Amino acid sequence: DIVAVTKQPRGSLIEIQDYRSGYSRWQHHLRTSSWPDPVNQ
C-alpha cells in the first residue's frame, strides 16, 4: 500500500491506496523515486 498525507486548508488528509493503484494515481510524484513501477515486469 501507499499512504498519502496531503495538506488541507486545516490539517491533513490521509489516503490509503493499494500499491498499484496508488502508484498509478501519484506516479508523477513517485516516478523520480526509487519505488518500483508496478507495471514494470
Full PDB file with SEQRES, HELIX, SHEET, SSBOND, CRYST1, ORIGX, SCALE, CONECT and MASTER records, all heavy atoms in Angstrom:
SEQRES   1 A   41  ASP ILE VAL ALA VAL THR LYS GLN PRO ARG GLY SER LEU          
SEQRES   2 A   41  ILE GLU ILE GLN ASP TYR ARG SER GLY TYR SER ARG TRP          
SEQRES   3 A   41  GLN HIS HIS LEU ARG THR SER SER TRP PRO ASP PRO VAL          
SEQRES   4 A   41  ASN GLN                                                      
HELIX    1 AA1 TYR A   19  LEU A   30  1                                  12    
SHEET    1 AA1 2 ILE A   2  LYS A   7  0                                        
SHEET    2 AA1 2 SER A  12  GLN A  17 -1                                        
CRYST1    1.000    1.000    1.000  90.00  90.00  90.00 P 1           1          
ORIGX1      1.000000  0.000000  0.000000        0.00000                         
ORIGX2      0.000000  1.000000  0.000000        0.00000                         
ORIGX3      0.000000  0.000000  1.000000        0.00000                         
SCALE1      1.000000  0.000000  0.000000        0.00000                         
SCALE2      0.000000  1.000000  0.000000        0.00000                         
SCALE3      0.000000  0.000000  1.000000        0.00000                         
ATOM      1  N   ASP A   1       0.818  -1.204   0.000  1.00  0.00           N  
ATOM      2  CA  ASP A   1       0.000   0.000   0.000  1.00  0.00           C  
ATOM      3  C   ASP A   1       0.856   1.260   0.000  1.00  0.00           C  
ATOM      4  O   ASP A   1       2.039   1.220   0.322  1.00  0.00           O  
ATOM      5  CB  ASP A   1      -0.904   0.032   1.238  1.00  0.00           C  
ATOM      6  CG  ASP A   1      -1.831  -1.159   1.297  1.00  0.00           C  
ATOM      7  OD1 ASP A   1      -2.758  -1.215   0.484  1.00  0.00           O  
ATOM      8  OD2 ASP A   1      -1.609  -2.030   2.152  1.00  0.00           O  
ATOM      9  N   ILE A   2       0.197   2.368  -0.337  1.00  0.00           N  
ATOM     10  CA  ILE A   2       0.806   3.691  -0.231  1.00  0.00           C  
ATOM     11  C   ILE A   2      -0.123   4.543   0.606  1.00  0.00           C  
ATOM     12  O   ILE A   2      -1.340   4.538   0.420  1.00  0.00           O  
ATOM     13  CB  ILE A   2       0.985   4.338  -1.617  1.00  0.00           C  
ATOM     14  CG1 ILE A   2       1.970   3.526  -2.465  1.00  0.00           C  
ATOM     15  CG2 ILE A   2       1.463   5.789  -1.474  1.00  0.00           C  
ATOM     16  CD1 ILE A   2       2.113   4.005  -3.898  1.00  0.00           C  
ATOM     17  N   VAL A   3       0.449   5.290   1.544  1.00  0.00           N  
ATOM     18  CA  VAL A   3      -0.298   6.260   2.337  1.00  0.00           C  
ATOM     19  C   VAL A   3       0.135   7.634   1.852  1.00  0.00           C  
ATOM     20  O   VAL A   3       1.322   7.945   1.829  1.00  0.00           O  
ATOM     21  CB  VAL A   3      -0.003   6.116   3.849  1.00  0.00           C  
ATOM     22  CG1 VAL A   3      -0.702   7.214   4.635  1.00  0.00           C  
ATOM     23  CG2 VAL A   3      -0.428   4.747   4.345  1.00  0.00           C  
ATOM     24  N   ALA A   4      -0.834   8.445   1.447  1.00  0.00           N  
ATOM     25  CA  ALA A   4      -0.551   9.818   1.025  1.00  0.00           C  
ATOM     26  C   ALA A   4      -1.136  10.756   2.068  1.00  0.00           C  
ATOM     27  O   ALA A   4      -2.310  10.644   2.423  1.00  0.00           O  
ATOM     28  CB  ALA A   4      -1.163  10.101  -0.341  1.00  0.00           C  
ATOM     29  N   VAL A   5      -0.318  11.667   2.559  1.00  0.00           N  
ATOM     30  CA  VAL A   5      -0.762  12.649   3.556  1.00  0.00           C  
ATOM     31  C   VAL A   5      -0.639  14.025   2.902  1.00  0.00           C  
ATOM     32  O   VAL A   5       0.464  14.501   2.633  1.00  0.00           O  
ATOM     33  CB  VAL A   5       0.085  12.577   4.847  1.00  0.00           C  
ATOM     34  CG1 VAL A   5      -0.487  13.518   5.892  1.00  0.00           C  
ATOM     35  CG2 VAL A   5       0.145  11.143   5.378  1.00  0.00           C  
ATOM     36  N   THR A   6      -1.797  14.648   2.624  1.00  0.00           N  
ATOM     37  CA  THR A   6      -1.843  15.888   1.856  1.00  0.00           C  
ATOM     38  C   THR A   6      -2.304  17.054   2.720  1.00  0.00           C  
ATOM     39  O   THR A   6      -3.246  16.921   3.511  1.00  0.00           O  
ATOM     40  CB  THR A   6      -2.824  15.726   0.677  1.00  0.00           C  
ATOM     41  OG1 THR A   6      -2.448  14.567  -0.070  1.00  0.00           O  
ATOM     42  CG2 THR A   6      -2.808  16.934  -0.236  1.00  0.00           C  
ATOM     43  N   LYS A   7      -1.654  18.190   2.515  1.00  0.00           N  
ATOM     44  CA  LYS A   7      -2.021  19.419   3.233  1.00  0.00           C  
ATOM     45  C   LYS A   7      -3.409  19.861   2.822  1.00  0.00           C  
ATOM     46  O   LYS A   7      -3.756  19.845   1.654  1.00  0.00           O  
ATOM     47  CB  LYS A   7      -1.013  20.527   2.929  1.00  0.00           C  
ATOM     48  CG  LYS A   7      -1.253  21.804   3.707  1.00  0.00           C  
ATOM     49  CD  LYS A   7      -0.114  22.767   3.490  1.00  0.00           C  
ATOM     50  CE  LYS A   7      -0.310  24.111   4.142  1.00  0.00           C  
ATOM     51  NZ  LYS A   7      -1.062  24.199   5.330  1.00  0.00           N  
ATOM     52  N   GLN A   8      -4.194  20.220   3.802  1.00  0.00           N  
ATOM     53  CA  GLN A   8      -5.535  20.749   3.602  1.00  0.00           C  
ATOM     54  C   GLN A   8      -5.569  22.179   4.151  1.00  0.00           C  
ATOM     55  O   GLN A   8      -4.655  22.589   4.857  1.00  0.00           O  
ATOM     56  CB  GLN A   8      -6.555  19.881   4.355  1.00  0.00           C  
ATOM     57  CG  GLN A   8      -6.594  18.436   3.891  1.00  0.00           C  
ATOM     58  CD  GLN A   8      -7.072  18.316   2.473  1.00  0.00           C  
ATOM     59  OE1 GLN A   8      -8.230  18.557   2.179  1.00  0.00           O  
ATOM     60  NE2 GLN A   8      -6.184  17.947   1.564  1.00  0.00           N  
ATOM     61  N   PRO A   9      -6.622  22.933   3.854  1.00  0.00           N  
ATOM     62  CA  PRO A   9      -6.688  24.285   4.431  1.00  0.00           C  
ATOM     63  C   PRO A   9      -6.517  24.262   5.959  1.00  0.00           C  
ATOM     64  O   PRO A   9      -5.891  25.144   6.533  1.00  0.00           O  
ATOM     65  CB  PRO A   9      -8.080  24.773   4.040  1.00  0.00           C  
ATOM     66  CG  PRO A   9      -8.390  24.028   2.776  1.00  0.00           C  
ATOM     67  CD  PRO A   9      -7.745  22.669   2.964  1.00  0.00           C  
ATOM     68  N   ARG A  10      -7.053  23.212   6.579  1.00  0.00           N  
ATOM     69  CA  ARG A  10      -6.860  22.992   8.019  1.00  0.00           C  
ATOM     70  C   ARG A  10      -6.435  21.549   8.215  1.00  0.00           C  
ATOM     71  O   ARG A  10      -7.216  20.626   8.012  1.00  0.00           O  
ATOM     72  CB  ARG A  10      -8.145  23.247   8.797  1.00  0.00           C  
ATOM     73  CG  ARG A  10      -8.546  24.683   8.814  1.00  0.00           C  
ATOM     74  CD  ARG A  10      -9.734  24.881   9.697  1.00  0.00           C  
ATOM     75  NE  ARG A  10     -10.094  26.286   9.705  1.00  0.00           N  
ATOM     76  CZ  ARG A  10     -11.164  26.767  10.236  1.00  0.00           C  
ATOM     77  NH1 ARG A  10     -12.022  25.954  10.826  1.00  0.00           N  
ATOM     78  NH2 ARG A  10     -11.421  28.046  10.202  1.00  0.00           N  
ATOM     79  N   GLY A  11      -5.203  21.328   8.586  1.00  0.00           N  
ATOM     80  CA  GLY A  11      -4.728  19.983   8.871  1.00  0.00           C  
ATOM     81  C   GLY A  11      -4.305  19.211   7.642  1.00  0.00           C  
ATOM     82  O   GLY A  11      -3.810  19.787   6.673  1.00  0.00           O  
ATOM     83  N   SER A  12      -4.543  17.886   7.689  1.00  0.00           N  
ATOM     84  CA  SER A  12      -4.075  16.984   6.632  1.00  0.00           C  
ATOM     85  C   SER A  12      -5.110  15.923   6.304  1.00  0.00           C  
ATOM     86  O   SER A  12      -5.849  15.477   7.176  1.00  0.00           O  
ATOM     87  CB  SER A  12      -2.800  16.267   7.089  1.00  0.00           C  
ATOM     88  OG  SER A  12      -1.774  17.175   7.347  1.00  0.00           O  
ATOM     89  N   LEU A  13      -5.113  15.503   5.040  1.00  0.00           N  
ATOM     90  CA  LEU A  13      -5.938  14.394   4.572  1.00  0.00           C  
ATOM     91  C   LEU A  13      -5.036  13.181   4.415  1.00  0.00           C  
ATOM     92  O   LEU A  13      -3.965  13.261   3.815  1.00  0.00           O  
ATOM     93  CB  LEU A  13      -6.581  14.726   3.225  1.00  0.00           C  
ATOM     94  CG  LEU A  13      -7.333  13.583   2.535  1.00  0.00           C  
ATOM     95  CD1 LEU A  13      -8.554  13.165   3.353  1.00  0.00           C  
ATOM     96  CD2 LEU A  13      -7.716  13.977   1.126  1.00  0.00           C  
ATOM     97  N   ILE A  14      -5.462  12.034   4.950  1.00  0.00           N  
ATOM     98  CA  ILE A  14      -4.713  10.785   4.879  1.00  0.00           C  
ATOM     99  C   ILE A  14      -5.480   9.834   3.957  1.00  0.00           C  
ATOM    100  O   ILE A  14      -6.633   9.491   4.236  1.00  0.00           O  
ATOM    101  CB  ILE A  14      -4.563  10.143   6.273  1.00  0.00           C  
ATOM    102  CG1 ILE A  14      -3.898  11.127   7.223  1.00  0.00           C  
ATOM    103  CG2 ILE A  14      -3.799   8.834   6.195  1.00  0.00           C  
ATOM    104  CD1 ILE A  14      -4.303  10.947   8.659  1.00  0.00           C  
ATOM    105  N   GLU A  15      -4.836   9.434   2.855  1.00  0.00           N  
ATOM    106  CA  GLU A  15      -5.450   8.496   1.917  1.00  0.00           C  
ATOM    107  C   GLU A  15      -4.599   7.225   1.856  1.00  0.00           C  
ATOM    108  O   GLU A  15      -3.375   7.301   1.869  1.00  0.00           O  
ATOM    109  CB  GLU A  15      -5.525   9.100   0.519  1.00  0.00           C  
ATOM    110  CG  GLU A  15      -6.398  10.343   0.444  1.00  0.00           C  
ATOM    111  CD  GLU A  15      -6.352  10.962  -0.933  1.00  0.00           C  
ATOM    112  OE1 GLU A  15      -7.163  10.549  -1.778  1.00  0.00           O  
ATOM    113  OE2 GLU A  15      -5.490  11.833  -1.153  1.00  0.00           O  
ATOM    114  N   ILE A  16      -5.275   6.094   1.765  1.00  0.00           N  
ATOM    115  CA  ILE A  16      -4.584   4.807   1.678  1.00  0.00           C  
ATOM    116  C   ILE A  16      -5.046   4.117   0.400  1.00  0.00           C  
ATOM    117  O   ILE A  16      -6.245   3.965   0.180  1.00  0.00           O  
ATOM    118  CB  ILE A  16      -4.908   3.913   2.893  1.00  0.00           C  
ATOM    119  CG1 ILE A  16      -4.541   4.639   4.185  1.00  0.00           C  
ATOM    120  CG2 ILE A  16      -4.203   2.571   2.778  1.00  0.00           C  
ATOM    121  CD1 ILE A  16      -5.085   3.989   5.434  1.00  0.00           C  
ATOM    122  N   GLN A  17      -4.075   3.735  -0.435  1.00  0.00           N  
ATOM    123  CA  GLN A  17      -4.403   3.022  -1.664  1.00  0.00           C  
ATOM    124  C   GLN A  17      -3.468   1.826  -1.810  1.00  0.00           C  
ATOM    125  O   GLN A  17      -2.324   1.881  -1.353  1.00  0.00           O  
ATOM    126  CB  GLN A  17      -4.228   3.933  -2.877  1.00  0.00           C  
ATOM    127  CG  GLN A  17      -5.227   5.061  -2.913  1.00  0.00           C  
ATOM    128  CD  GLN A  17      -5.800   5.279  -4.294  1.00  0.00           C  
ATOM    129  OE1 GLN A  17      -5.152   5.025  -5.291  1.00  0.00           O  
ATOM    130  NE2 GLN A  17      -7.025   5.737  -4.343  1.00  0.00           N  
ATOM    131  N   ASP A  18      -3.982   0.771  -2.472  1.00  0.00           N  
ATOM    132  CA  ASP A  18      -3.087  -0.355  -2.736  1.00  0.00           C  
ATOM    133  C   ASP A  18      -1.954   0.161  -3.624  1.00  0.00           C  
ATOM    134  O   ASP A  18      -2.098   1.165  -4.319  1.00  0.00           O  
ATOM    135  CB  ASP A  18      -3.834  -1.532  -3.376  1.00  0.00           C  
ATOM    136  CG  ASP A  18      -4.285  -1.233  -4.781  1.00  0.00           C  
ATOM    137  OD1 ASP A  18      -3.512  -1.474  -5.725  1.00  0.00           O  
ATOM    138  OD2 ASP A  18      -5.409  -0.729  -4.941  1.00  0.00           O  
ATOM    139  N   TYR A  19      -0.812  -0.514  -3.568  1.00  0.00           N  
ATOM    140  CA  TYR A  19       0.403  -0.011  -4.211  1.00  0.00           C  
ATOM    141  C   TYR A  19       0.198   0.269  -5.699  1.00  0.00           C  
ATOM    142  O   TYR A  19       0.558   1.330  -6.193  1.00  0.00           O  
ATOM    143  CB  TYR A  19       1.561  -0.998  -4.019  1.00  0.00           C  
ATOM    144  CG  TYR A  19       2.880  -0.424  -4.455  1.00  0.00           C  
ATOM    145  CD1 TYR A  19       3.650   0.325  -3.582  1.00  0.00           C  
ATOM    146  CD2 TYR A  19       3.340  -0.592  -5.755  1.00  0.00           C  
ATOM    147  CE1 TYR A  19       4.854   0.879  -3.985  1.00  0.00           C  
ATOM    148  CE2 TYR A  19       4.541  -0.049  -6.167  1.00  0.00           C  
ATOM    149  CZ  TYR A  19       5.291   0.695  -5.280  1.00  0.00           C  
ATOM    150  OH  TYR A  19       6.484   1.255  -5.690  1.00  0.00           O  
ATOM    151  N   ARG A  20      -0.401  -0.657  -6.420  1.00  0.00           N  
ATOM    152  CA  ARG A  20      -0.572  -0.494  -7.868  1.00  0.00           C  
ATOM    153  C   ARG A  20      -1.445   0.717  -8.198  1.00  0.00           C  
ATOM    154  O   ARG A  20      -1.086   1.548  -9.027  1.00  0.00           O  
ATOM    155  CB  ARG A  20      -1.162  -1.767  -8.468  1.00  0.00           C  
ATOM    156  CG  ARG A  20      -1.181  -1.790  -9.969  1.00  0.00           C  
ATOM    157  CD  ARG A  20      -1.622  -3.153 -10.501  1.00  0.00           C  
ATOM    158  NE  ARG A  20      -0.732  -4.225 -10.120  1.00  0.00           N  
ATOM    159  CZ  ARG A  20       0.377  -4.562 -10.752  1.00  0.00           C  
ATOM    160  NH1 ARG A  20       0.757  -3.889 -11.807  1.00  0.00           N  
ATOM    161  NH2 ARG A  20       1.114  -5.576 -10.338  1.00  0.00           N  
ATOM    162  N   SER A  21      -2.586   0.851  -7.532  1.00  0.00           N  
ATOM    163  CA  SER A  21      -3.481   1.981  -7.791  1.00  0.00           C  
ATOM    164  C   SER A  21      -2.865   3.294  -7.341  1.00  0.00           C  
ATOM    165  O   SER A  21      -2.957   4.314  -8.035  1.00  0.00           O  
ATOM    166  CB  SER A  21      -4.812   1.780  -7.051  1.00  0.00           C  
ATOM    167  OG  SER A  21      -5.449   0.624  -7.497  1.00  0.00           O  
ATOM    168  N   GLY A  22      -2.240   3.282  -6.168  1.00  0.00           N  
ATOM    169  CA  GLY A  22      -1.611   4.488  -5.651  1.00  0.00           C  
ATOM    170  C   GLY A  22      -0.464   4.952  -6.524  1.00  0.00           C  
ATOM    171  O   GLY A  22      -0.329   6.146  -6.810  1.00  0.00           O  
ATOM    172  N   TYR A  23       0.364   4.015  -6.974  1.00  0.00           N  
ATOM    173  CA  TYR A  23       1.485   4.389  -7.839  1.00  0.00           C  
ATOM    174  C   TYR A  23       0.957   4.989  -9.137  1.00  0.00           C  
ATOM    175  O   TYR A  23       1.451   5.996  -9.619  1.00  0.00           O  
ATOM    176  CB  TYR A  23       2.379   3.189  -8.130  1.00  0.00           C  
ATOM    177  CG  TYR A  23       3.690   3.591  -8.772  1.00  0.00           C  
ATOM    178  CD1 TYR A  23       4.822   3.791  -7.992  1.00  0.00           C  
ATOM    179  CD2 TYR A  23       3.793   3.799 -10.140  1.00  0.00           C  
ATOM    180  CE1 TYR A  23       6.028   4.175  -8.563  1.00  0.00           C  
ATOM    181  CE2 TYR A  23       4.979   4.184 -10.726  1.00  0.00           C  
ATOM    182  CZ  TYR A  23       6.098   4.376  -9.934  1.00  0.00           C  
ATOM    183  OH  TYR A  23       7.273   4.767 -10.503  1.00  0.00           O  
ATOM    184  N   SER A  24      -0.074   4.386  -9.703  1.00  0.00           N  
ATOM    185  CA  SER A  24      -0.668   4.902 -10.935  1.00  0.00           C  
ATOM    186  C   SER A  24      -1.221   6.316 -10.712  1.00  0.00           C  
ATOM    187  O   SER A  24      -1.017   7.202 -11.535  1.00  0.00           O  
ATOM    188  CB  SER A  24      -1.772   3.959 -11.397  1.00  0.00           C  
ATOM    189  OG  SER A  24      -2.425   4.471 -12.525  1.00  0.00           O  
ATOM    190  N   ARG A  25      -1.895   6.520  -9.604  1.00  0.00           N  
ATOM    191  CA  ARG A  25      -2.500   7.819  -9.303  1.00  0.00           C  
ATOM    192  C   ARG A  25      -1.457   8.903  -9.059  1.00  0.00           C  
ATOM    193  O   ARG A  25      -1.604  10.035  -9.506  1.00  0.00           O  
ATOM    194  CB  ARG A  25      -3.412   7.673  -8.084  1.00  0.00           C  
ATOM    195  CG  ARG A  25      -4.066   8.960  -7.672  1.00  0.00           C  
ATOM    196  CD  ARG A  25      -5.002   8.747  -6.533  1.00  0.00           C  
ATOM    197  NE  ARG A  25      -5.527  10.017  -6.062  1.00  0.00           N  
ATOM    198  CZ  ARG A  25      -6.157  10.179  -4.931  1.00  0.00           C  
ATOM    199  NH1 ARG A  25      -6.372   9.145  -4.145  1.00  0.00           N  
ATOM    200  NH2 ARG A  25      -6.588  11.358  -4.563  1.00  0.00           N  
ATOM    201  N   TRP A  26      -0.410   8.571  -8.307  1.00  0.00           N  
ATOM    202  CA  TRP A  26       0.577   9.576  -7.900  1.00  0.00           C  
ATOM    203  C   TRP A  26       1.916   9.430  -8.616  1.00  0.00           C  
ATOM    204  O   TRP A  26       2.929   9.961  -8.164  1.00  0.00           O  
ATOM    205  CB  TRP A  26       0.785   9.509  -6.387  1.00  0.00           C  
ATOM    206  CG  TRP A  26      -0.452   9.827  -5.613  1.00  0.00           C  
ATOM    207  CD1 TRP A  26      -1.198  10.965  -5.679  1.00  0.00           C  
ATOM    208  CD2 TRP A  26      -1.099   9.005  -4.640  1.00  0.00           C  
ATOM    209  NE1 TRP A  26      -2.273  10.897  -4.815  1.00  0.00           N  
ATOM    210  CE2 TRP A  26      -2.233   9.698  -4.156  1.00  0.00           C  
ATOM    211  CE3 TRP A  26      -0.831   7.736  -4.126  1.00  0.00           C  
ATOM    212  CZ2 TRP A  26      -3.082   9.188  -3.185  1.00  0.00           C  
ATOM    213  CZ3 TRP A  26      -1.691   7.218  -3.167  1.00  0.00           C  
ATOM    214  CH2 TRP A  26      -2.798   7.940  -2.700  1.00  0.00           C  
ATOM    215  N   GLN A  27       1.946   8.728  -9.756  1.00  0.00           N  
ATOM    216  CA  GLN A  27       3.215   8.426 -10.406  1.00  0.00           C  
ATOM    217  C   GLN A  27       4.003   9.666 -10.796  1.00  0.00           C  
ATOM    218  O   GLN A  27       5.241   9.630 -10.818  1.00  0.00           O  
ATOM    219  CB  GLN A  27       3.009   7.513 -11.611  1.00  0.00           C  
ATOM    220  CG  GLN A  27       2.245   8.144 -12.761  1.00  0.00           C  
ATOM    221  CD  GLN A  27       2.062   7.148 -13.878  1.00  0.00           C  
ATOM    222  OE1 GLN A  27       2.980   6.405 -14.201  1.00  0.00           O  
ATOM    223  NE2 GLN A  27       0.885   7.126 -14.459  1.00  0.00           N  
ATOM    224  N   HIS A  28       3.334  10.779 -11.091  1.00  0.00           N  
ATOM    225  CA  HIS A  28       4.071  11.988 -11.451  1.00  0.00           C  
ATOM    226  C   HIS A  28       4.959  12.467 -10.303  1.00  0.00           C  
ATOM    227  O   HIS A  28       5.953  13.148 -10.531  1.00  0.00           O  
ATOM    228  CB  HIS A  28       3.124  13.085 -11.935  1.00  0.00           C  
ATOM    229  CG  HIS A  28       2.035  13.429 -10.967  1.00  0.00           C  
ATOM    230  ND1 HIS A  28       0.929  12.619 -10.774  1.00  0.00           N  
ATOM    231  CD2 HIS A  28       1.887  14.482 -10.139  1.00  0.00           C  
ATOM    232  CE1 HIS A  28       0.153  13.167  -9.860  1.00  0.00           C  
ATOM    233  NE2 HIS A  28       0.701  14.292  -9.452  1.00  0.00           N  
ATOM    234  N   HIS A  29       4.645  12.078  -9.074  1.00  0.00           N  
ATOM    235  CA  HIS A  29       5.496  12.411  -7.925  1.00  0.00           C  
ATOM    236  C   HIS A  29       6.444  11.267  -7.568  1.00  0.00           C  
ATOM    237  O   HIS A  29       7.510  11.497  -7.020  1.00  0.00           O  
ATOM    238  CB  HIS A  29       4.645  12.741  -6.691  1.00  0.00           C  
ATOM    239  CG  HIS A  29       3.803  13.959  -6.868  1.00  0.00           C  
ATOM    240  ND1 HIS A  29       4.330  15.220  -7.025  1.00  0.00           N  
ATOM    241  CD2 HIS A  29       2.463  14.101  -6.918  1.00  0.00           C  
ATOM    242  CE1 HIS A  29       3.346  16.091  -7.165  1.00  0.00           C  
ATOM    243  NE2 HIS A  29       2.205  15.439  -7.105  1.00  0.00           N  
ATOM    244  N   LEU A  30       6.042  10.044  -7.847  1.00  0.00           N  
ATOM    245  CA  LEU A  30       6.801   8.874  -7.409  1.00  0.00           C  
ATOM    246  C   LEU A  30       7.788   8.353  -8.450  1.00  0.00           C  
ATOM    247  O   LEU A  30       8.703   7.616  -8.113  1.00  0.00           O  
ATOM    248  CB  LEU A  30       5.836   7.747  -7.018  1.00  0.00           C  
ATOM    249  CG  LEU A  30       4.836   8.110  -5.923  1.00  0.00           C  
ATOM    250  CD1 LEU A  30       3.865   6.961  -5.698  1.00  0.00           C  
ATOM    251  CD2 LEU A  30       5.549   8.486  -4.642  1.00  0.00           C  
ATOM    252  N   ARG A  31       7.617   8.736  -9.708  1.00  0.00           N  
ATOM    253  CA  ARG A  31       8.482   8.241 -10.772  1.00  0.00           C  
ATOM    254  C   ARG A  31       9.953   8.578 -10.542  1.00  0.00           C  
ATOM    255  O   ARG A  31      10.833   7.833 -10.931  1.00  0.00           O  
ATOM    256  CB  ARG A  31       8.027   8.817 -12.109  1.00  0.00           C  
ATOM    257  CG  ARG A  31       8.152   7.842 -13.230  1.00  0.00           C  
ATOM    258  CD  ARG A  31       7.591   8.349 -14.534  1.00  0.00           C  
ATOM    259  NE  ARG A  31       6.228   8.804 -14.368  1.00  0.00           N  
ATOM    260  CZ  ARG A  31       5.698   9.814 -15.058  1.00  0.00           C  
ATOM    261  NH1 ARG A  31       6.391  10.427 -15.965  1.00  0.00           N  
ATOM    262  NH2 ARG A  31       4.460  10.179 -14.853  1.00  0.00           N  
ATOM    263  N   THR A  32      10.220   9.705  -9.918  1.00  0.00           N  
ATOM    264  CA  THR A  32      11.610  10.111  -9.675  1.00  0.00           C  
ATOM    265  C   THR A  32      12.199   9.438  -8.437  1.00  0.00           C  
ATOM    266  O   THR A  32      13.376   9.593  -8.152  1.00  0.00           O  
ATOM    267  CB  THR A  32      11.713  11.636  -9.511  1.00  0.00           C  
ATOM    268  OG1 THR A  32      10.883  12.039  -8.421  1.00  0.00           O  
ATOM    269  CG2 THR A  32      11.278  12.345 -10.786  1.00  0.00           C  
ATOM    270  N   SER A  33      11.386   8.685  -7.700  1.00  0.00           N  
ATOM    271  CA  SER A  33      11.866   7.987  -6.507  1.00  0.00           C  
ATOM    272  C   SER A  33      12.443   6.630  -6.901  1.00  0.00           C  
ATOM    273  O   SER A  33      12.423   6.242  -8.060  1.00  0.00           O  
ATOM    274  CB  SER A  33      10.719   7.787  -5.503  1.00  0.00           C  
ATOM    275  OG  SER A  33       9.834   6.788  -5.975  1.00  0.00           O  
ATOM    276  N   SER A  34      12.915   5.907  -5.916  1.00  0.00           N  
ATOM    277  CA  SER A  34      13.437   4.558  -6.160  1.00  0.00           C  
ATOM    278  C   SER A  34      12.333   3.501  -6.061  1.00  0.00           C  
ATOM    279  O   SER A  34      12.607   2.314  -6.135  1.00  0.00           O  
ATOM    280  CB  SER A  34      14.557   4.246  -5.167  1.00  0.00           C  
ATOM    281  OG  SER A  34      14.033   4.279  -3.852  1.00  0.00           O  
ATOM    282  N   TRP A  35      11.101   3.932  -5.909  1.00  0.00           N  
ATOM    283  CA  TRP A  35       9.996   2.991  -5.791  1.00  0.00           C  
ATOM    284  C   TRP A  35       9.767   2.294  -7.123  1.00  0.00           C  
ATOM    285  O   TRP A  35       9.719   2.942  -8.167  1.00  0.00           O  
ATOM    286  CB  TRP A  35       8.723   3.695  -5.356  1.00  0.00           C  
ATOM    287  CG  TRP A  35       8.784   4.329  -3.999  1.00  0.00           C  
ATOM    288  CD1 TRP A  35       9.890   4.537  -3.227  1.00  0.00           C  
ATOM    289  CD2 TRP A  35       7.695   4.858  -3.268  1.00  0.00           C  
ATOM    290  NE1 TRP A  35       9.541   5.158  -2.065  1.00  0.00           N  
ATOM    291  CE2 TRP A  35       8.192   5.373  -2.054  1.00  0.00           C  
ATOM    292  CE3 TRP A  35       6.340   4.953  -3.516  1.00  0.00           C  
ATOM    293  CZ2 TRP A  35       7.387   5.966  -1.092  1.00  0.00           C  
ATOM    294  CZ3 TRP A  35       5.526   5.550  -2.555  1.00  0.00           C  
ATOM    295  CH2 TRP A  35       6.053   6.040  -1.354  1.00  0.00           C  
ATOM    296  N   PRO A  36       9.584   0.990  -7.118  1.00  0.00           N  
ATOM    297  CA  PRO A  36       9.400   0.283  -8.389  1.00  0.00           C  
ATOM    298  C   PRO A  36       8.032   0.560  -9.006  1.00  0.00           C  
ATOM    299  O   PRO A  36       7.037   0.695  -8.303  1.00  0.00           O  
ATOM    300  CB  PRO A  36       9.525  -1.190  -7.999  1.00  0.00           C  
ATOM    301  CG  PRO A  36       9.188  -1.235  -6.552  1.00  0.00           C  
ATOM    302  CD  PRO A  36       9.610   0.088  -5.976  1.00  0.00           C  
ATOM    303  N   ASP A  37       8.029   0.654 -10.319  1.00  0.00           N  
ATOM    304  CA  ASP A  37       6.795   0.840 -11.070  1.00  0.00           C  
ATOM    305  C   ASP A  37       6.103  -0.521 -11.168  1.00  0.00           C  
ATOM    306  O   ASP A  37       6.670  -1.473 -11.702  1.00  0.00           O  
ATOM    307  CB  ASP A  37       7.130   1.369 -12.462  1.00  0.00           C  
ATOM    308  CG  ASP A  37       5.902   1.649 -13.305  1.00  0.00           C  
ATOM    309  OD1 ASP A  37       4.796   1.147 -12.976  1.00  0.00           O  
ATOM    310  OD2 ASP A  37       6.038   2.372 -14.299  1.00  0.00           O  
ATOM    311  N   PRO A  38       4.870  -0.655 -10.672  1.00  0.00           N  
ATOM    312  CA  PRO A  38       4.206  -1.961 -10.684  1.00  0.00           C  
ATOM    313  C   PRO A  38       3.866  -2.453 -12.092  1.00  0.00           C  
ATOM    314  O   PRO A  38       3.574  -3.633 -12.275  1.00  0.00           O  
ATOM    315  CB  PRO A  38       2.945  -1.740  -9.858  1.00  0.00           C  
ATOM    316  CG  PRO A  38       2.714  -0.283  -9.874  1.00  0.00           C  
ATOM    317  CD  PRO A  38       4.057   0.366 -10.026  1.00  0.00           C  
ATOM    318  N   VAL A  39       3.920  -1.591 -13.091  1.00  0.00           N  
ATOM    319  CA  VAL A  39       3.652  -2.008 -14.463  1.00  0.00           C  
ATOM    320  C   VAL A  39       4.884  -2.697 -15.049  1.00  0.00           C  
ATOM    321  O   VAL A  39       4.781  -3.534 -15.924  1.00  0.00           O  
ATOM    322  CB  VAL A  39       3.246  -0.788 -15.322  1.00  0.00           C  
ATOM    323  CG1 VAL A  39       3.078  -1.175 -16.787  1.00  0.00           C  
ATOM    324  CG2 VAL A  39       1.975  -0.174 -14.783  1.00  0.00           C  
ATOM    325  N   ASN A  40       6.055  -2.373 -14.522  1.00  0.00           N  
ATOM    326  CA  ASN A  40       7.311  -2.951 -14.980  1.00  0.00           C  
ATOM    327  C   ASN A  40       7.344  -4.440 -14.668  1.00  0.00           C  
ATOM    328  O   ASN A  40       6.909  -4.871 -13.604  1.00  0.00           O  
ATOM    329  CB  ASN A  40       8.473  -2.233 -14.271  1.00  0.00           C  
ATOM    330  CG  ASN A  40       9.826  -2.666 -14.766  1.00  0.00           C  
ATOM    331  OD1 ASN A  40      10.022  -3.798 -15.177  1.00  0.00           O  
ATOM    332  ND2 ASN A  40      10.760  -1.752 -14.710  1.00  0.00           N  
ATOM    333  N   GLN A  41       7.887  -5.221 -15.547  1.00  0.00           N  
ATOM    334  CA  GLN A  41       7.944  -6.675 -15.372  1.00  0.00           C  
ATOM    335  C   GLN A  41       8.720  -7.098 -14.128  1.00  0.00           C  
ATOM    336  O   GLN A  41       8.492  -8.160 -13.585  1.00  0.00           O  
ATOM    337  CB  GLN A  41       8.581  -7.343 -16.592  1.00  0.00           C  
ATOM    338  CG  GLN A  41       7.733  -7.227 -17.835  1.00  0.00           C  
ATOM    339  CD  GLN A  41       6.429  -8.002 -17.728  1.00  0.00           C  
ATOM    340  OE1 GLN A  41       6.300  -8.929 -16.944  1.00  0.00           O  
ATOM    341  NE2 GLN A  41       5.444  -7.609 -18.500  1.00  0.00           N  
TER     342      GLN A  41                                                      
MASTER        0    0    0    1    2    0    0    6  341    1    0    4          
END                                                                             
